[in-house]
Structure formats: C-alpha cells, structure tokens
C-alpha cells in the first residue's frame, strides 16, 4: 500500500494486480491517477506500490521495451495461463521434430513461469493437456525444481497444472 502523502508527481507506480507501471500524477480520495501511454488510469492505493527508477530501467532492459519517454506504459505482464499445445505456441507449424517440440514447449513454459513470477502473479495455470503424459510429466518436473514455486496441483481432469508462487 502506498501512503498518498509521501508521493511526488513523477514517481513510478506499479499496479500490483496487473504489473502495469506508470507515472503518478495525482490522487482523489483513495485512488491514484497514473499516466500510461497517452491516457490515465485510476488505481486503488491498496493495489499500488512505488518503484524506483533503477527498477524501471531493469524492467525496460528485460522486456526490450522501446520507449520514447519515461511516462509510457511498461506492460509485458503475462496472462494468467499458458497453453503449451503446439498449435498455440507454433501456429505456423515450424517445429516438426518430436524432440524439438518437447524442448520448445518446455522452454516456453520455463520462460512463462519466470516472467509470471517476476510480475507478481500469485497463481497461474499451465495447460499441458492429458495426452500420453510426456509433456505433463516434464512440465511437473520443471515446476518441482523452481525455488520460487510454493506448490502446484493438477486441475481440469489432469490436463493442466495450477502453480502457486512464493514471494
């Protein structure tokens, strides 16, 4: 939670629930007016945190964000779920080798989980399908080795895994 009395115009604010970052421009009651892109959003003070310029620059570097000014939105927040089916990850069908398919899916999963954790998601869903269980087994093995995962459990008739992060 942010103390409105300690905010300065121009402070960087992150909306905790979405990971969206913008620039503080004012307050009304318990809402903060944040500039993002060419517009503004009002966010609840309980859903906001101040971040320093160094962290903003680190985020920009990680997301390869091409910015023209410091007041643009920095939003590369991943969705709450990832579907690892190849037709979703590789709609053009470029991956044809079975060995490369599994590596491609696992790499996409690992990158997604890292990014989801980085942006503060509490829980996400990894859709791996029921199938023969090869991808499911490998995904769960990957998840079990991540130190930032609190726990995981199967959902959707074992066709997906819900992942809870620890912070």
Protein backbone atom coordinates (compact mmCIF):
# COMPACT_ATOMS: atom_id res chain seq x y z
CA UNK A 1 0.00 0.00 0.00
CA UNK A 2 1.18 3.50 -0.83
CA UNK A 3 0.96 6.47 1.52
CA UNK A 4 -0.51 9.22 -0.68
CA UNK A 5 1.08 11.94 1.47
CA UNK A 6 4.56 10.68 0.56
CA UNK A 7 4.04 10.59 -3.21
CA UNK A 8 5.53 13.11 -5.59
CA UNK A 9 4.34 13.87 -9.09
CA UNK A 10 6.53 11.81 -11.39
CA UNK A 11 7.02 8.85 -9.01
CA UNK A 12 6.84 5.47 -10.73
CA UNK A 13 3.90 3.38 -9.56
CA UNK A 14 3.25 -0.31 -10.22
CA UNK A 15 -0.28 -1.65 -10.07
CA UNK A 16 0.26 -4.84 -8.07
CA UNK A 17 -2.64 -6.81 -9.58
CA UNK A 18 -1.57 -6.29 -13.21
CA UNK A 19 2.10 -5.34 -13.11
CA UNK A 20 1.34 -2.18 -15.10
CA UNK A 21 3.76 0.65 -14.43
CA UNK A 22 3.04 4.30 -14.93
CA UNK A 23 3.80 7.74 -13.56
CA UNK A 24 1.94 9.26 -10.62
CA UNK A 25 0.07 12.47 -11.44
CA UNK A 26 -2.27 12.99 -8.53
CA UNK A 27 -4.81 11.46 -6.17
CA UNK A 28 -8.51 11.58 -5.47
CA UNK A 29 -9.74 10.02 -2.22
CA UNK A 30 -8.05 6.58 -2.15
CA UNK A 31 -7.35 6.44 -5.90
CA UNK A 32 -4.12 7.30 -7.66
CA UNK A 33 -4.10 8.92 -11.09
CA UNK A 34 -1.41 7.19 -13.14
CA UNK A 35 -0.26 8.22 -16.62
CA UNK A 36 0.21 5.35 -19.04
CA UNK A 37 0.82 5.80 -22.74
CA UNK A 38 -1.40 8.64 -23.91
CA UNK A 39 -4.00 8.07 -21.20
CA UNK A 40 -4.57 7.75 -17.50
CA UNK A 41 -5.90 5.12 -15.12
CA UNK A 42 -7.19 5.43 -11.58
CA UNK A 43 -5.96 2.67 -9.29
CA UNK A 44 -6.72 1.92 -5.68
CA UNK A 45 -3.99 2.92 -3.25
CA UNK A 46 -4.07 -0.64 -1.82
CA UNK A 47 -3.21 -2.02 -5.27
CA UNK A 48 -0.18 0.22 -5.79
CA UNK A 49 3.47 0.29 -4.92
CA UNK A 50 6.18 2.84 -5.55
CA UNK A 51 9.15 1.62 -7.54
CA UNK A 52 12.40 3.42 -8.12
CA UNK A 53 13.83 4.50 -11.45
CA UNK A 54 16.53 1.83 -11.29
CA UNK A 55 13.89 -0.92 -11.19
CA UNK A 56 12.03 0.71 -14.10
CA UNK A 57 15.23 0.66 -16.16
CA UNK A 58 15.82 -3.00 -15.27
CA UNK A 59 12.29 -3.86 -16.41
CA UNK A 60 12.80 -1.96 -19.63
CA UNK A 61 16.02 -3.86 -20.28
CA UNK A 62 14.41 -7.24 -19.54
CA UNK A 63 11.41 -6.60 -21.78
CA UNK A 64 13.38 -4.87 -24.55
CA UNK A 65 10.88 -2.08 -24.22
CA UNK A 66 11.42 0.62 -26.81
CA UNK A 67 10.40 3.78 -25.04
CA UNK A 68 10.29 7.33 -26.25
CA UNK A 69 9.63 8.91 -22.88
CA UNK A 70 9.64 7.90 -19.26
CA UNK A 71 5.87 8.30 -19.00
CA UNK A 72 4.97 5.47 -21.36
CA UNK A 73 3.46 2.29 -20.00
CA UNK A 74 5.74 -0.63 -19.33
CA UNK A 75 3.47 -3.62 -19.72
CA UNK A 76 4.62 -7.02 -20.72
CA UNK A 77 2.66 -8.77 -17.99
CA UNK A 78 1.98 -12.36 -18.99
CA UNK A 79 -1.56 -13.73 -18.93
CA UNK A 80 -2.71 -15.91 -16.03
CA UNK A 81 -2.31 -19.07 -18.12
CA UNK A 82 -0.23 -20.57 -20.88
CA UNK A 83 -1.40 -23.23 -23.31
CA UNK A 84 1.52 -25.46 -24.28
CA UNK A 85 -0.27 -27.17 -27.16
CA UNK A 86 1.91 -26.77 -30.25
CA UNK A 87 -0.90 -25.30 -32.35
CA UNK A 88 -0.99 -22.43 -29.83
CA UNK A 89 2.77 -21.96 -29.41
CA UNK A 90 3.75 -22.57 -33.04
CA UNK A 91 0.70 -21.88 -35.21
CA UNK A 92 2.80 -21.87 -38.40
CA UNK A 93 3.99 -25.42 -37.71
CA UNK A 94 7.71 -24.65 -37.99
CA UNK A 95 8.68 -27.18 -35.32
CA UNK A 96 8.47 -30.65 -36.88
CA UNK A 97 10.94 -32.78 -34.93
CA UNK A 98 9.36 -34.50 -31.90
CA UNK A 99 12.47 -33.89 -29.81
CA UNK A 100 12.46 -30.20 -30.69
CA UNK A 101 8.72 -29.98 -29.97
CA UNK A 102 9.16 -31.01 -26.36
CA UNK A 103 12.19 -28.72 -25.88
CA UNK A 104 10.25 -25.84 -27.46
CA UNK A 105 7.26 -26.42 -25.17
CA UNK A 106 9.40 -26.72 -22.03
CA UNK A 107 11.38 -23.60 -22.88
CA UNK A 108 8.14 -21.66 -23.42
CA UNK A 109 6.84 -22.96 -20.09
CA UNK A 110 10.02 -22.06 -18.18
CA UNK A 111 10.12 -18.55 -19.66
CA UNK A 112 6.44 -18.02 -18.93
CA UNK A 113 6.75 -19.13 -15.29
CA UNK A 114 9.78 -16.92 -14.72
CA UNK A 115 8.02 -13.91 -16.20
CA UNK A 116 4.75 -14.58 -14.35
CA UNK A 117 6.66 -14.77 -11.06
CA UNK A 118 8.67 -11.65 -11.87
CA UNK A 119 5.47 -9.68 -12.50
CA UNK A 120 3.94 -10.79 -9.22
CA UNK A 121 1.30 -13.29 -10.26
CA UNK A 122 0.24 -15.31 -7.26
CA UNK A 123 -1.14 -18.26 -9.21
CA UNK A 124 -1.04 -19.29 -12.87
CA UNK A 125 -2.24 -22.21 -14.95
CA UNK A 126 -0.08 -24.27 -17.29
CA UNK A 127 -2.18 -26.17 -19.83
CA UNK A 128 -0.28 -29.23 -20.99
CA UNK A 129 -3.16 -31.49 -21.99
CA UNK A 130 -3.89 -35.05 -20.97
CA UNK A 131 -2.40 -36.91 -23.93
CA UNK A 132 0.21 -39.58 -23.30
CA UNK A 133 1.57 -37.67 -20.32
CA UNK A 134 5.08 -36.97 -21.57
CA UNK A 135 4.70 -33.18 -21.62
CA UNK A 136 2.71 -33.24 -18.38
CA UNK A 137 5.44 -35.23 -16.62
CA UNK A 138 8.22 -32.96 -17.92
CA UNK A 139 6.31 -29.78 -17.02
CA UNK A 140 5.71 -31.01 -13.49
CA UNK A 141 9.36 -31.99 -13.16
CA UNK A 142 10.34 -28.49 -14.32
CA UNK A 143 7.94 -26.88 -11.83
CA UNK A 144 9.22 -29.03 -8.96
CA UNK A 145 12.74 -27.66 -9.47
CA UNK A 146 11.80 -23.97 -9.30
CA UNK A 147 12.64 -22.39 -5.95
CA UNK A 148 10.01 -19.67 -6.37
CA UNK A 149 7.13 -22.15 -6.64
CA UNK A 150 5.26 -22.66 -3.39
CA UNK A 151 3.19 -25.61 -4.64
CA UNK A 152 1.34 -26.94 -7.66
CA UNK A 153 -1.64 -29.17 -8.20
CA UNK A 154 -3.39 -30.85 -11.13
CA UNK A 155 -6.64 -29.33 -12.40
CA UNK A 156 -9.04 -29.79 -15.34
CA UNK A 157 -9.09 -33.59 -15.22
CA UNK A 158 -5.28 -33.56 -15.04
CA UNK A 159 -4.95 -31.63 -18.31
CA UNK A 160 -3.42 -28.60 -16.60
CA UNK A 161 -1.36 -27.70 -13.57
CA UNK A 162 -2.06 -24.79 -11.27
CA UNK A 163 1.14 -23.17 -10.00
CA UNK A 164 1.28 -21.05 -6.83
CA UNK A 165 4.28 -18.78 -6.38
CA UNK A 166 6.01 -17.76 -3.17
CA UNK A 167 7.40 -14.27 -2.60
